[in-house]
């Protein structure tokens, strides 16, 4: 698999956003979602004085990006960890505060492109979808064992699938005949259970269900709920965080954490706001920034991306 075909999304914009915090010698930047190492390589190249700590839960991604980042020697430290483990990782490395943090929450291109991982709905593969294949339950187990009500909840909440009930009743009927193991059967079942009108809109009709299963299998939203506040906490004053998300649930979560950090916590009506109530963060984006039309034309995976950034302007109140 060639590494050249993977173009990191909104790369230039992310680098520009983090730049003011990463020019000093010894600055530490954390890539919380290493993937194939595209963002990490660009960070190390553009900020020659900076040191990189990169996390990924996928051992295959760590191996491949390790080869790619080898020329940077000990400036790059790669760690097998889920990104909500950031505080423990920094603690182990003896790094009290960092100057930059980057999250690219899209599924790694590698995972989508390797058929046998079962992330893609365009080709038949085992229904696995675990980003770390050494642990946890597969998508097939979710489909075959979850109670119907729980499956409906997952498809609605994580896939924003309006036809969740129809799809789930078909899944439950079919799994009693034979448990699910491969993606093609699920794709076909989704096609068959949707009304005509629903099939005509928005690409492959299986897309939303596959997204929902992937989020459930990897606990992505609950991990993110812990990870974003932990990353903000790890920032030194002046440090910056940039987060690329790809669906509204992730983006909403990031927005809430940043908005809370950028708001004053003072009781209303104080003539002067004491230091301990002052905002901790300054927002670097107005709303979420979107990729340019040119970028979407070059890289279709960029289309749903939303970028938000924030800068740490104060220590936490004691």
C-alpha atoms as a PDB file:
ATOM      1  CA  UNK A   1       0.000   0.000   0.000  1.00  0.00           C
ATOM      2  CA  UNK A   2       1.483   3.322  -1.005  1.00  0.00           C
ATOM      3  CA  UNK A   3       1.685   6.069   1.549  1.00  0.00           C
ATOM      4  CA  UNK A   4       1.622   8.760  -1.124  1.00  0.00           C
ATOM      5  CA  UNK A   5      -2.092   8.368  -1.829  1.00  0.00           C
ATOM      6  CA  UNK A   6      -3.097   9.386   1.696  1.00  0.00           C
ATOM      7  CA  UNK A   7      -3.511  13.148   1.832  1.00  0.00           C
ATOM      8  CA  UNK A   8      -3.986  14.488   5.387  1.00  0.00           C
ATOM      9  CA  UNK A   9      -7.129  16.603   5.594  1.00  0.00           C
ATOM     10  CA  UNK A  10      -6.787  20.400   6.031  1.00  0.00           C
ATOM     11  CA  UNK A  11      -3.107  19.879   6.720  1.00  0.00           C
ATOM     12  CA  UNK A  12      -1.893  23.410   5.996  1.00  0.00           C
ATOM     13  CA  UNK A  13      -4.654  24.954   8.092  1.00  0.00           C
ATOM     14  CA  UNK A  14      -3.853  22.700  11.083  1.00  0.00           C
ATOM     15  CA  UNK A  15      -0.141  23.554  10.885  1.00  0.00           C
ATOM     16  CA  UNK A  16      -0.881  27.284  10.669  1.00  0.00           C
ATOM     17  CA  UNK A  17      -3.217  27.075  13.635  1.00  0.00           C
ATOM     18  CA  UNK A  18      -0.637  25.328  15.837  1.00  0.00           C
ATOM     19  CA  UNK A  19       2.368  27.291  14.528  1.00  0.00           C
ATOM     20  CA  UNK A  20       2.482  30.179  17.051  1.00  0.00           C
ATOM     21  CA  UNK A  21       2.879  27.664  19.900  1.00  0.00           C
ATOM     22  CA  UNK A  22       5.510  25.426  18.276  1.00  0.00           C
ATOM     23  CA  UNK A  23       8.373  27.689  17.260  1.00  0.00           C
ATOM     24  CA  UNK A  24      10.280  27.629  20.561  1.00  0.00           C
ATOM     25  CA  UNK A  25      13.036  25.022  20.966  1.00  0.00           C
ATOM     26  CA  UNK A  26      11.831  22.056  23.020  1.00  0.00           C
ATOM     27  CA  UNK A  27       8.136  22.620  22.281  1.00  0.00           C
ATOM     28  CA  UNK A  28       6.184  19.352  22.524  1.00  0.00           C
ATOM     29  CA  UNK A  29       3.325  18.608  20.137  1.00  0.00           C
ATOM     30  CA  UNK A  30       1.021  15.615  20.539  1.00  0.00           C
ATOM     31  CA  UNK A  31      -0.578  13.916  17.543  1.00  0.00           C
ATOM     32  CA  UNK A  32      -3.394  12.023  19.253  1.00  0.00           C
ATOM     33  CA  UNK A  33      -4.388  10.186  16.076  1.00  0.00           C
ATOM     34  CA  UNK A  34      -1.173   9.134  14.360  1.00  0.00           C
ATOM     35  CA  UNK A  35      -2.681   6.931  11.621  1.00  0.00           C
ATOM     36  CA  UNK A  36      -0.232   6.728   8.720  1.00  0.00           C
ATOM     37  CA  UNK A  37       1.762   9.642  10.121  1.00  0.00           C
ATOM     38  CA  UNK A  38       0.913  12.298   7.526  1.00  0.00           C
ATOM     39  CA  UNK A  39       0.147  15.051  10.047  1.00  0.00           C
ATOM     40  CA  UNK A  40       3.057  13.959  12.275  1.00  0.00           C
ATOM     41  CA  UNK A  41       5.572  14.038   9.442  1.00  0.00           C
ATOM     42  CA  UNK A  42       4.387  17.525   8.454  1.00  0.00           C
ATOM     43  CA  UNK A  43       4.610  18.761  12.077  1.00  0.00           C
ATOM     44  CA  UNK A  44       8.188  17.463  12.488  1.00  0.00           C
ATOM     45  CA  UNK A  45       9.217  18.944   9.130  1.00  0.00           C
ATOM     46  CA  UNK A  46       7.671  22.366   9.631  1.00  0.00           C
ATOM     47  CA  UNK A  47       8.741  22.780  13.285  1.00  0.00           C
ATOM     48  CA  UNK A  48      12.352  21.554  13.403  1.00  0.00           C
ATOM     49  CA  UNK A  49      12.758  22.566  17.068  1.00  0.00           C
ATOM     50  CA  UNK A  50       9.676  20.653  18.214  1.00  0.00           C
ATOM     51  CA  UNK A  51       9.409  17.203  19.701  1.00  0.00           C
ATOM     52  CA  UNK A  52       6.502  14.925  18.807  1.00  0.00           C
ATOM     53  CA  UNK A  53       4.552  12.440  20.906  1.00  0.00           C
ATOM     54  CA  UNK A  54       2.128  10.406  18.765  1.00  0.00           C
ATOM     55  CA  UNK A  55      -0.584   7.982  19.889  1.00  0.00           C
ATOM     56  CA  UNK A  56      -2.485   5.274  18.053  1.00  0.00           C
ATOM     57  CA  UNK A  57      -4.467   2.261  19.218  1.00  0.00           C
ATOM     58  CA  UNK A  58      -3.769   0.432  15.958  1.00  0.00           C
ATOM     59  CA  UNK A  59      -0.506  -1.547  16.030  1.00  0.00           C
ATOM     60  CA  UNK A  60      -0.315  -1.790  12.256  1.00  0.00           C
ATOM     61  CA  UNK A  61      -0.588   2.009  11.964  1.00  0.00           C
ATOM     62  CA  UNK A  62       2.228   2.403  14.514  1.00  0.00           C
ATOM     63  CA  UNK A  63       4.453   0.033  12.554  1.00  0.00           C
ATOM     64  CA  UNK A  64       3.901   1.801   9.222  1.00  0.00           C
ATOM     65  CA  UNK A  65       4.202   5.335  10.562  1.00  0.00           C
ATOM     66  CA  UNK A  66       7.259   4.257  12.577  1.00  0.00           C
ATOM     67  CA  UNK A  67       9.014   3.520   9.270  1.00  0.00           C
ATOM     68  CA  UNK A  68       7.842   6.827   7.832  1.00  0.00           C
ATOM     69  CA  UNK A  69       9.015   8.874  10.846  1.00  0.00           C
ATOM     70  CA  UNK A  70      12.298   6.985  11.365  1.00  0.00           C
ATOM     71  CA  UNK A  71      14.366   9.770   9.719  1.00  0.00           C
ATOM     72  CA  UNK A  72      13.374  12.117  12.565  1.00  0.00           C
ATOM     73  CA  UNK A  73      15.096   9.864  15.112  1.00  0.00           C
ATOM     74  CA  UNK A  74      14.382  10.587  18.766  1.00  0.00           C
ATOM     75  CA  UNK A  75      12.341  13.719  17.998  1.00  0.00           C
ATOM     76  CA  UNK A  76       9.385  11.364  17.521  1.00  0.00           C
ATOM     77  CA  UNK A  77       8.013   9.145  20.301  1.00  0.00           C
ATOM     78  CA  UNK A  78       5.274   6.745  19.143  1.00  0.00           C
ATOM     79  CA  UNK A  79       3.002   5.166  21.748  1.00  0.00           C
ATOM     80  CA  UNK A  80       0.415   2.357  21.509  1.00  0.00           C
ATOM     81  CA  UNK A  81      -2.479   3.971  23.373  1.00  0.00           C
ATOM     82  CA  UNK A  82      -6.024   5.225  22.971  1.00  0.00           C
ATOM     83  CA  UNK A  83      -6.101   9.014  22.986  1.00  0.00           C
ATOM     84  CA  UNK A  84      -8.009   9.322  26.256  1.00  0.00           C
ATOM     85  CA  UNK A  85      -4.886   7.797  27.870  1.00  0.00           C
ATOM     86  CA  UNK A  86      -2.959  10.986  27.063  1.00  0.00           C
ATOM     87  CA  UNK A  87      -2.474  12.034  30.735  1.00  0.00           C
ATOM     88  CA  UNK A  88      -0.912   8.637  31.602  1.00  0.00           C
ATOM     89  CA  UNK A  89       1.281   8.700  28.503  1.00  0.00           C
ATOM     90  CA  UNK A  90       2.640  12.198  29.281  1.00  0.00           C
ATOM     91  CA  UNK A  91       3.129  11.208  32.891  1.00  0.00           C
ATOM     92  CA  UNK A  92       5.168   8.145  31.869  1.00  0.00           C
ATOM     93  CA  UNK A  93       7.305  10.283  29.560  1.00  0.00           C
ATOM     94  CA  UNK A  94       7.817  12.904  32.278  1.00  0.00           C
ATOM     95  CA  UNK A  95       6.231  15.707  30.232  1.00  0.00           C
ATOM     96  CA  UNK A  96       4.199  17.997  32.528  1.00  0.00           C
ATOM     97  CA  UNK A  97       2.735  20.280  29.815  1.00  0.00           C
ATOM     98  CA  UNK A  98       2.626  20.394  26.028  1.00  0.00           C
ATOM     99  CA  UNK A  99       2.530  23.267  23.542  1.00  0.00           C
ATOM    100  CA  UNK A 100       0.358  21.717  20.849  1.00  0.00           C
ATOM    101  CA  UNK A 101      -2.248  18.972  20.434  1.00  0.00           C
ATOM    102  CA  UNK A 102      -3.778  17.707  17.195  1.00  0.00           C
ATOM    103  CA  UNK A 103      -6.730  15.329  16.772  1.00  0.00           C
ATOM    104  CA  UNK A 104      -7.795  14.027  13.361  1.00  0.00           C
ATOM    105  CA  UNK A 105     -10.847  11.953  14.246  1.00  0.00           C
ATOM    106  CA  UNK A 106     -11.451  10.445  10.807  1.00  0.00           C
ATOM    107  CA  UNK A 107     -11.034   6.704  10.381  1.00  0.00           C
ATOM    108  CA  UNK A 108      -7.511   6.221   9.113  1.00  0.00           C
ATOM    109  CA  UNK A 109      -7.356   5.762   5.346  1.00  0.00           C
ATOM    110  CA  UNK A 110      -5.408   2.609   5.967  1.00  0.00           C
ATOM    111  CA  UNK A 111      -8.262   1.054   7.921  1.00  0.00           C
ATOM    112  CA  UNK A 112     -10.774   1.986   5.238  1.00  0.00           C
ATOM    113  CA  UNK A 113      -8.569   0.715   2.445  1.00  0.00           C
ATOM    114  CA  UNK A 114      -7.569  -2.636   3.936  1.00  0.00           C
ATOM    115  CA  UNK A 115     -10.521  -4.826   3.069  1.00  0.00           C
ATOM    116  CA  UNK A 116     -10.037  -7.437   5.756  1.00  0.00           C
ATOM    117  CA  UNK A 117     -10.537  -4.938   8.579  1.00  0.00           C
ATOM    118  CA  UNK A 118     -14.250  -4.688   7.743  1.00  0.00           C
ATOM    119  CA  UNK A 119     -14.622  -0.888   7.972  1.00  0.00           C
ATOM    120  CA  UNK A 120     -15.664  -0.342   4.375  1.00  0.00           C
ATOM    121  CA  UNK A 121     -19.112  -1.098   3.053  1.00  0.00           C
ATOM    122  CA  UNK A 122     -18.019  -1.053  -0.590  1.00  0.00           C
ATOM    123  CA  UNK A 123     -16.374  -4.474  -0.432  1.00  0.00           C
ATOM    124  CA  UNK A 124     -17.154  -7.739   1.310  1.00  0.00           C
ATOM    125  CA  UNK A 125     -15.124  -8.360   4.467  1.00  0.00           C
ATOM    126  CA  UNK A 126     -15.486  -9.817   7.964  1.00  0.00           C
ATOM    127  CA  UNK A 127     -17.494  -7.452  10.179  1.00  0.00           C
ATOM    128  CA  UNK A 128     -14.714  -6.544  12.584  1.00  0.00           C
ATOM    129  CA  UNK A 129     -14.142  -2.746  12.743  1.00  0.00           C
ATOM    130  CA  UNK A 130     -11.922  -2.811  15.829  1.00  0.00           C
ATOM    131  CA  UNK A 131      -9.181  -0.204  15.544  1.00  0.00           C
ATOM    132  CA  UNK A 132      -7.120  -2.207  18.016  1.00  0.00           C
ATOM    133  CA  UNK A 133      -7.560  -5.799  16.915  1.00  0.00           C
ATOM    134  CA  UNK A 134      -6.073  -7.171  20.105  1.00  0.00           C
ATOM    135  CA  UNK A 135      -9.021  -6.194  22.276  1.00  0.00           C
ATOM    136  CA  UNK A 136     -12.774  -5.636  22.509  1.00  0.00           C
ATOM    137  CA  UNK A 137     -15.790  -6.975  20.629  1.00  0.00           C
ATOM    138  CA  UNK A 138     -16.282  -6.944  16.863  1.00  0.00           C
ATOM    139  CA  UNK A 139     -19.088  -5.346  14.872  1.00  0.00           C
ATOM    140  CA  UNK A 140     -20.442  -8.851  14.135  1.00  0.00           C
ATOM    141  CA  UNK A 141     -20.814  -9.509  17.879  1.00  0.00           C
ATOM    142  CA  UNK A 142     -22.668  -6.216  18.321  1.00  0.00           C
ATOM    143  CA  UNK A 143     -25.098  -7.118  15.527  1.00  0.00           C
ATOM    144  CA  UNK A 144     -25.588 -10.700  16.688  1.00  0.00           C
ATOM    145  CA  UNK A 145     -25.937 -10.171  20.441  1.00  0.00           C
ATOM    146  CA  UNK A 146     -27.249  -6.684  21.276  1.00  0.00           C
ATOM    147  CA  UNK A 147     -30.952  -6.440  22.171  1.00  0.00           C
ATOM    148  CA  UNK A 148     -33.043  -4.772  19.430  1.00  0.00           C
ATOM    149  CA  UNK A 149     -33.725  -1.608  21.478  1.00  0.00           C
ATOM    150  CA  UNK A 150     -30.004  -1.090  22.039  1.00  0.00           C
ATOM    151  CA  UNK A 151     -29.255  -1.522  18.317  1.00  0.00           C
ATOM    152  CA  UNK A 152     -31.940   1.034  17.411  1.00  0.00           C
ATOM    153  CA  UNK A 153     -30.442   3.484  19.922  1.00  0.00           C
ATOM    154  CA  UNK A 154     -26.929   3.031  18.458  1.00  0.00           C
ATOM    155  CA  UNK A 155     -28.045   3.507  14.841  1.00  0.00           C
ATOM    156  CA  UNK A 156     -30.026   6.610  15.750  1.00  0.00           C
ATOM    157  CA  UNK A 157     -27.488   8.200  18.064  1.00  0.00           C
ATOM    158  CA  UNK A 158     -24.255   7.342  16.250  1.00  0.00           C
ATOM    159  CA  UNK A 159     -25.419   6.957  12.656  1.00  0.00           C
ATOM    160  CA  UNK A 160     -28.239   9.506  12.687  1.00  0.00           C
ATOM    161  CA  UNK A 161     -30.150   6.810  10.782  1.00  0.00           C
ATOM    162  CA  UNK A 162     -33.830   7.669  10.457  1.00  0.00           C
ATOM    163  CA  UNK A 163     -34.737   4.136   9.347  1.00  0.00           C
ATOM    164  CA  UNK A 164     -33.089   2.509  12.393  1.00  0.00           C
ATOM    165  CA  UNK A 165     -36.203   0.544  13.410  1.00  0.00           C
ATOM    166  CA  UNK A 166     -36.664  -0.975   9.954  1.00  0.00           C
ATOM    167  CA  UNK A 167     -33.019  -1.957   9.681  1.00  0.00           C
ATOM    168  CA  UNK A 168     -32.900  -3.451  13.177  1.00  0.00           C
ATOM    169  CA  UNK A 169     -36.054  -5.516  12.755  1.00  0.00           C
ATOM    170  CA  UNK A 170     -34.524  -6.974   9.571  1.00  0.00           C
ATOM    171  CA  UNK A 171     -31.225  -7.643  11.396  1.00  0.00           C
ATOM    172  CA  UNK A 172     -33.009  -9.390  14.275  1.00  0.00           C
ATOM    173  CA  UNK A 173     -35.051 -11.536  11.879  1.00  0.00           C
ATOM    174  CA  UNK A 174     -31.969 -12.522   9.868  1.00  0.00           C
ATOM    175  CA  UNK A 175     -29.592 -13.146  12.759  1.00  0.00           C
ATOM    176  CA  UNK A 176     -31.963 -15.795  14.120  1.00  0.00           C
ATOM    177  CA  UNK A 177     -31.572 -17.727  10.869  1.00  0.00           C
ATOM    178  CA  UNK A 178     -27.801 -17.253  10.768  1.00  0.00           C
ATOM    179  CA  UNK A 179     -25.446 -14.943  12.688  1.00  0.00           C
ATOM    180  CA  UNK A 180     -23.840 -12.077  10.738  1.00  0.00           C
ATOM    181  CA  UNK A 181     -20.178 -12.432   9.856  1.00  0.00           C
ATOM    182  CA  UNK A 182     -19.541 -10.429   6.668  1.00  0.00           C
ATOM    183  CA  UNK A 183     -20.260  -6.927   5.496  1.00  0.00           C
ATOM    184  CA  UNK A 184     -21.875  -7.740   2.124  1.00  0.00           C
ATOM    185  CA  UNK A 185     -24.828  -9.485   3.745  1.00  0.00           C
ATOM    186  CA  UNK A 186     -25.443  -6.503   6.025  1.00  0.00           C
ATOM    187  CA  UNK A 187     -25.194  -4.015   3.126  1.00  0.00           C
ATOM    188  CA  UNK A 188     -27.721  -6.054   1.138  1.00  0.00           C
ATOM    189  CA  UNK A 189     -30.084  -6.292   4.100  1.00  0.00           C
ATOM    190  CA  UNK A 190     -29.948  -2.505   4.624  1.00  0.00           C
ATOM    191  CA  UNK A 191     -30.660  -1.917   0.921  1.00  0.00           C
ATOM    192  CA  UNK A 192     -33.633  -4.269   1.061  1.00  0.00           C
ATOM    193  CA  UNK A 193     -35.139  -2.799   4.208  1.00  0.00           C
ATOM    194  CA  UNK A 194     -35.059   0.878   3.221  1.00  0.00           C
ATOM    195  CA  UNK A 195     -37.938   2.598   1.434  1.00  0.00           C
ATOM    196  CA  UNK A 196     -37.133   3.766  -2.117  1.00  0.00           C
ATOM    197  CA  UNK A 197     -36.932   7.455  -1.192  1.00  0.00           C
ATOM    198  CA  UNK A 198     -34.292   6.810   1.506  1.00  0.00           C
ATOM    199  CA  UNK A 199     -32.079   4.997  -1.007  1.00  0.00           C
ATOM    200  CA  UNK A 200     -31.905   7.942  -3.355  1.00  0.00           C
ATOM    201  CA  UNK A 201     -30.213  10.342  -0.974  1.00  0.00           C
ATOM    202  CA  UNK A 202     -26.720  10.638   0.428  1.00  0.00           C
ATOM    203  CA  UNK A 203     -24.508   7.946  -1.098  1.00  0.00           C
ATOM    204  CA  UNK A 204     -24.368   4.342   0.019  1.00  0.00           C
ATOM    205  CA  UNK A 205     -27.397   3.557   2.212  1.00  0.00           C
ATOM    206  CA  UNK A 206     -25.210   1.412   4.484  1.00  0.00           C
ATOM    207  CA  UNK A 207     -22.912   4.320   5.358  1.00  0.00           C
ATOM    208  CA  UNK A 208     -24.782   5.488   8.456  1.00  0.00           C
ATOM    209  CA  UNK A 209     -25.141   1.994   9.926  1.00  0.00           C
ATOM    210  CA  UNK A 210     -21.444   1.234   9.407  1.00  0.00           C
ATOM    211  CA  UNK A 211     -20.496   4.526  11.069  1.00  0.00           C
ATOM    212  CA  UNK A 212     -22.733   3.715  14.031  1.00  0.00           C
ATOM    213  CA  UNK A 213     -21.243   0.230  14.463  1.00  0.00           C
ATOM    214  CA  UNK A 214     -17.704   1.589  14.216  1.00  0.00           C
ATOM    215  CA  UNK A 215     -18.360   4.210  16.903  1.00  0.00           C
ATOM    216  CA  UNK A 216     -19.934   1.594  19.192  1.00  0.00           C
ATOM    217  CA  UNK A 217     -17.212  -1.038  18.668  1.00  0.00           C
ATOM    218  CA  UNK A 218     -14.427   1.436  19.426  1.00  0.00           C
ATOM    219  CA  UNK A 219     -16.252   3.436  22.114  1.00  0.00           C
ATOM    220  CA  UNK A 220     -15.286   6.494  20.104  1.00  0.00           C
ATOM    221  CA  UNK A 221     -17.612   9.086  21.616  1.00  0.00           C
ATOM    222  CA  UNK A 222     -17.025   8.085  25.221  1.00  0.00           C
ATOM    223  CA  UNK A 223     -13.270   8.067  24.563  1.00  0.00           C
ATOM    224  CA  UNK A 224     -13.536  11.507  22.969  1.00  0.00           C
ATOM    225  CA  UNK A 225     -15.570  12.846  25.887  1.00  0.00           C
ATOM    226  CA  UNK A 226     -12.630  12.055  28.154  1.00  0.00           C
ATOM    227  CA  UNK A 227      -9.882  12.879  25.657  1.00  0.00           C
ATOM    228  CA  UNK A 228     -10.685  16.472  24.674  1.00  0.00           C
ATOM    229  CA  UNK A 229     -10.853  17.850  28.249  1.00  0.00           C
ATOM    230  CA  UNK A 230      -7.687  15.861  29.118  1.00  0.00           C
ATOM    231  CA  UNK A 231      -5.869  17.365  26.133  1.00  0.00           C
ATOM    232  CA  UNK A 232      -6.959  20.901  27.073  1.00  0.00           C
ATOM    233  CA  UNK A 233      -5.696  20.256  30.611  1.00  0.00           C
ATOM    234  CA  UNK A 234      -2.322  19.116  29.257  1.00  0.00           C
ATOM    235  CA  UNK A 235      -1.755  22.403  27.396  1.00  0.00           C
ATOM    236  CA  UNK A 236       0.701  24.921  28.771  1.00  0.00           C
ATOM    237  CA  UNK A 237      -0.458  28.541  28.799  1.00  0.00           C
ATOM    238  CA  UNK A 238      -0.062  29.726  25.203  1.00  0.00           C
ATOM    239  CA  UNK A 239      -0.451  26.157  23.960  1.00  0.00           C
ATOM    240  CA  UNK A 240      -2.888  25.380  21.150  1.00  0.00           C
ATOM    241  CA  UNK A 241      -5.214  22.521  20.239  1.00  0.00           C
ATOM    242  CA  UNK A 242      -6.681  21.730  16.809  1.00  0.00           C
ATOM    243  CA  UNK A 243      -9.423  19.125  16.318  1.00  0.00           C
ATOM    244  CA  UNK A 244     -10.685  17.758  13.002  1.00  0.00           C
ATOM    245  CA  UNK A 245     -13.988  15.929  13.301  1.00  0.00           C
ATOM    246  CA  UNK A 246     -16.074  14.239  10.643  1.00  0.00           C
ATOM    247  CA  UNK A 247     -19.607  14.008  11.949  1.00  0.00           C
ATOM    248  CA  UNK A 248     -21.886  16.250  13.920  1.00  0.00           C
ATOM    249  CA  UNK A 249     -21.717  14.200  17.135  1.00  0.00           C
ATOM    250  CA  UNK A 250     -17.943  14.588  17.410  1.00  0.00           C
ATOM    251  CA  UNK A 251     -18.043  18.219  16.371  1.00  0.00           C
ATOM    252  CA  UNK A 252     -20.721  19.020  18.960  1.00  0.00           C
ATOM    253  CA  UNK A 253     -18.659  17.435  21.711  1.00  0.00           C
ATOM    254  CA  UNK A 254     -15.544  19.430  20.781  1.00  0.00           C
ATOM    255  CA  UNK A 255     -17.598  22.613  20.514  1.00  0.00           C
ATOM    256  CA  UNK A 256     -19.037  22.111  24.028  1.00  0.00           C
ATOM    257  CA  UNK A 257     -15.625  21.542  25.659  1.00  0.00           C
ATOM    258  CA  UNK A 258     -14.088  24.566  23.915  1.00  0.00           C
ATOM    259  CA  UNK A 259     -17.103  26.801  24.630  1.00  0.00           C
ATOM    260  CA  UNK A 260     -17.040  25.876  28.325  1.00  0.00           C
ATOM    261  CA  UNK A 261     -13.316  26.685  28.523  1.00  0.00           C
ATOM    262  CA  UNK A 262     -13.806  30.012  26.765  1.00  0.00           C
ATOM    263  CA  UNK A 263     -16.659  31.147  29.008  1.00  0.00           C
ATOM    264  CA  UNK A 264     -16.389  32.964  32.299  1.00  0.00           C
ATOM    265  CA  UNK A 265     -17.550  30.895  35.278  1.00  0.00           C
ATOM    266  CA  UNK A 266     -18.305  33.915  37.450  1.00  0.00           C
ATOM    267  CA  UNK A 267     -21.720  34.246  39.091  1.00  0.00           C
ATOM    268  CA  UNK A 268     -23.679  36.895  37.146  1.00  0.00           C
ATOM    269  CA  UNK A 269     -23.618  40.486  38.324  1.00  0.00           C
ATOM    270  CA  UNK A 270     -20.036  40.787  39.632  1.00  0.00           C
ATOM    271  CA  UNK A 271     -18.685  44.262  38.815  1.00  0.00           C
ATOM    272  CA  UNK A 272     -15.159  42.843  38.355  1.00  0.00           C
ATOM    273  CA  UNK A 273     -14.567  39.191  37.414  1.00  0.00           C
ATOM    274  CA  UNK A 274     -11.889  37.684  39.690  1.00  0.00           C
ATOM    275  CA  UNK A 275      -9.017  35.794  38.037  1.00  0.00           C
ATOM    276  CA  UNK A 276     -10.314  32.380  39.076  1.00  0.00           C
ATOM    277  CA  UNK A 277     -13.505  32.845  37.052  1.00  0.00           C
ATOM    278  CA  UNK A 278     -11.797  34.116  33.900  1.00  0.00           C
ATOM    279  CA  UNK A 279     -11.934  31.981  30.725  1.00  0.00           C
ATOM    280  CA  UNK A 280      -9.144  29.402  30.345  1.00  0.00           C
ATOM    281  CA  UNK A 281      -9.379  29.200  26.550  1.00  0.00           C
ATOM    282  CA  UNK A 282      -9.555  31.540  23.595  1.00  0.00           C
ATOM    283  CA  UNK A 283     -11.336  30.161  20.519  1.00  0.00           C
ATOM    284  CA  UNK A 284      -9.224  30.212  17.331  1.00  0.00           C
ATOM    285  CA  UNK A 285     -12.082  29.480  14.935  1.00  0.00           C
ATOM    286  CA  UNK A 286     -15.432  31.169  14.478  1.00  0.00           C
ATOM    287  CA  UNK A 287     -17.696  28.159  14.519  1.00  0.00           C
ATOM    288  CA  UNK A 288     -16.127  25.234  12.697  1.00  0.00           C
ATOM    289  CA  UNK A 289     -13.911  25.817   9.669  1.00  0.00           C
ATOM    290  CA  UNK A 290     -14.654  23.748   6.560  1.00  0.00           C
ATOM    291  CA  UNK A 291     -12.282  22.451   3.887  1.00  0.00           C
ATOM    292  CA  UNK A 292     -12.047  24.487   0.692  1.00  0.00           C
ATOM    293  CA  UNK A 293     -13.864  23.363  -2.446  1.00  0.00           C
ATOM    294  CA  UNK A 294     -10.493  22.684  -4.101  1.00  0.00           C
ATOM    295  CA  UNK A 295      -9.466  20.391  -1.276  1.00  0.00           C
ATOM    296  CA  UNK A 296     -12.735  18.457  -1.392  1.00  0.00           C
ATOM    297  CA  UNK A 297     -12.309  18.075  -5.170  1.00  0.00           C
ATOM    298  CA  UNK A 298      -8.821  16.611  -4.624  1.00  0.00           C
ATOM    299  CA  UNK A 299      -9.647  14.489  -1.583  1.00  0.00           C
ATOM    300  CA  UNK A 300     -13.237  13.347  -1.183  1.00  0.00           C
ATOM    301  CA  UNK A 301     -12.542  12.185   2.378  1.00  0.00           C
ATOM    302  CA  UNK A 302     -12.131  15.831   3.365  1.00  0.00           C
ATOM    303  CA  UNK A 303     -15.746  16.689   2.531  1.00  0.00           C
ATOM    304  CA  UNK A 304     -17.340  16.209   5.990  1.00  0.00           C
ATOM    305  CA  UNK A 305     -14.352  17.613   7.943  1.00  0.00           C
ATOM    306  CA  UNK A 306     -14.885  20.356  10.544  1.00  0.00           C
ATOM    307  CA  UNK A 307     -11.918  22.063  12.194  1.00  0.00           C
ATOM    308  CA  UNK A 308     -11.995  23.798  15.575  1.00  0.00           C
ATOM    309  CA  UNK A 309      -9.091  25.300  17.472  1.00  0.00           C
ATOM    310  CA  UNK A 310      -8.448  26.860  20.872  1.00  0.00           C
ATOM    311  CA  UNK A 311      -5.561  28.426  22.748  1.00  0.00           C
ATOM    312  CA  UNK A 312      -4.872  28.070  26.454  1.00  0.00           C
ATOM    313  CA  UNK A 313      -4.733  31.577  27.953  1.00  0.00           C
ATOM    314  CA  UNK A 314      -4.780  30.827  31.696  1.00  0.00           C
ATOM    315  CA  UNK A 315      -4.028  28.121  34.209  1.00  0.00           C
ATOM    316  CA  UNK A 316      -6.966  26.282  35.734  1.00  0.00           C
ATOM    317  CA  UNK A 317      -8.371  27.800  38.888  1.00  0.00           C
ATOM    318  CA  UNK A 318      -7.101  25.984  41.926  1.00  0.00           C
END
